[in-house]
């Protein structure tokens, strides 16, 4: 799942963009997220990884961890009727 759609007008070095993409893939897989820009958790994961990269982090594992630290692993069942 590419992170590029979430970068907007931000530009990074190709190596850092690859690291962010790898981190994004890992985090989304860990959280069972799909490539959906309307999913708030997917967008949040991308934003957290981008923010960590802007803060000079370049290691994909650490970028991934930066996102996983703040994104809830599950969402509450809001608006669903119990069966």
Protein backbone atom coordinates (compact mmCIF):
# COMPACT_ATOMS: atom_id res chain seq x y z
CA UNK A 1 0.00 0.00 0.00
CA UNK A 2 1.78 3.18 -1.12
CA UNK A 3 2.13 6.16 1.18
CA UNK A 4 2.49 8.64 -1.71
CA UNK A 5 -1.23 9.56 -1.85
CA UNK A 6 -0.92 10.79 1.74
CA UNK A 7 2.13 12.99 1.13
CA UNK A 8 0.20 15.79 -0.54
CA UNK A 9 2.72 18.42 -1.62
CA UNK A 10 5.44 17.18 0.74
CA UNK A 11 8.64 16.01 -0.92
CA UNK A 12 11.18 13.63 0.62
CA UNK A 13 14.36 11.98 -0.58
CA UNK A 14 13.61 8.74 -2.47
CA UNK A 15 15.25 6.57 0.23
CA UNK A 16 13.12 8.16 2.95
CA UNK A 17 9.98 7.82 0.84
CA UNK A 18 10.75 4.10 0.47
CA UNK A 19 11.31 3.78 4.23
CA UNK A 20 8.01 5.52 4.93
CA UNK A 21 6.26 3.26 2.42
CA UNK A 22 7.70 0.16 4.07
CA UNK A 23 6.67 1.42 7.51
CA UNK A 24 3.18 2.25 6.24
CA UNK A 25 2.78 -1.23 4.75
CA UNK A 26 3.90 -2.88 8.00
CA UNK A 27 1.69 -0.74 10.21
CA UNK A 28 -1.38 -1.22 8.01
CA UNK A 29 -0.78 -4.96 7.92
CA UNK A 30 -0.38 -5.06 11.70
CA UNK A 31 -3.64 -3.15 12.13
CA UNK A 32 -5.47 -5.04 9.33
CA UNK A 33 -6.08 -1.81 7.42
CA UNK A 34 -6.76 -1.49 3.70
CA UNK A 35 -5.73 1.16 1.20
CA UNK A 36 -8.65 3.48 1.78
CA UNK A 37 -8.07 7.22 2.08
CA UNK A 38 -11.48 7.62 3.73
CA UNK A 39 -10.52 5.30 6.61
CA UNK A 40 -9.50 7.57 9.48
CA UNK A 41 -7.11 5.02 10.99
CA UNK A 42 -5.29 4.50 7.69
CA UNK A 43 -4.94 8.25 7.27
CA UNK A 44 -3.76 8.62 10.87
CA UNK A 45 -1.12 5.92 10.35
CA UNK A 46 0.18 7.75 7.28
CA UNK A 47 0.20 11.12 9.06
CA UNK A 48 2.09 9.72 12.05
CA UNK A 49 4.71 8.09 9.85
CA UNK A 50 5.15 11.28 7.83
CA UNK A 51 5.48 13.33 11.04
CA UNK A 52 8.12 10.94 12.38
CA UNK A 53 10.02 11.19 9.08
CA UNK A 54 9.85 14.97 9.23
CA UNK A 55 11.36 14.64 12.70
CA UNK A 56 14.44 13.05 11.10
CA UNK A 57 13.57 9.38 11.71
CA UNK A 58 14.62 7.22 8.76
CA UNK A 59 14.43 3.64 10.04
CA UNK A 60 11.31 1.84 8.70
CA UNK A 61 10.85 -0.17 11.91
CA UNK A 62 10.97 2.96 14.06
CA UNK A 63 8.65 4.83 11.70
CA UNK A 64 6.20 1.93 11.93
CA UNK A 65 6.45 1.85 15.72
CA UNK A 66 5.82 5.60 15.86
CA UNK A 67 2.45 5.01 14.20
CA UNK A 68 1.51 1.85 16.10
CA UNK A 69 2.16 3.58 19.40
CA UNK A 70 -0.73 5.99 18.85
CA UNK A 71 -3.29 4.17 16.72
CA UNK A 72 -5.88 2.06 18.50
CA UNK A 73 -5.70 -1.60 17.51
CA UNK A 74 -9.49 -1.89 17.47
CA UNK A 75 -12.36 0.52 17.01
CA UNK A 76 -15.36 0.55 19.33
CA UNK A 77 -18.54 -0.88 17.84
CA UNK A 78 -20.31 2.46 17.51
CA UNK A 79 -23.72 2.32 15.87
CA UNK A 80 -23.77 -1.44 15.47
CA UNK A 81 -26.65 -3.49 16.72
CA UNK A 82 -25.71 -6.53 18.78
CA UNK A 83 -26.93 -9.79 17.30
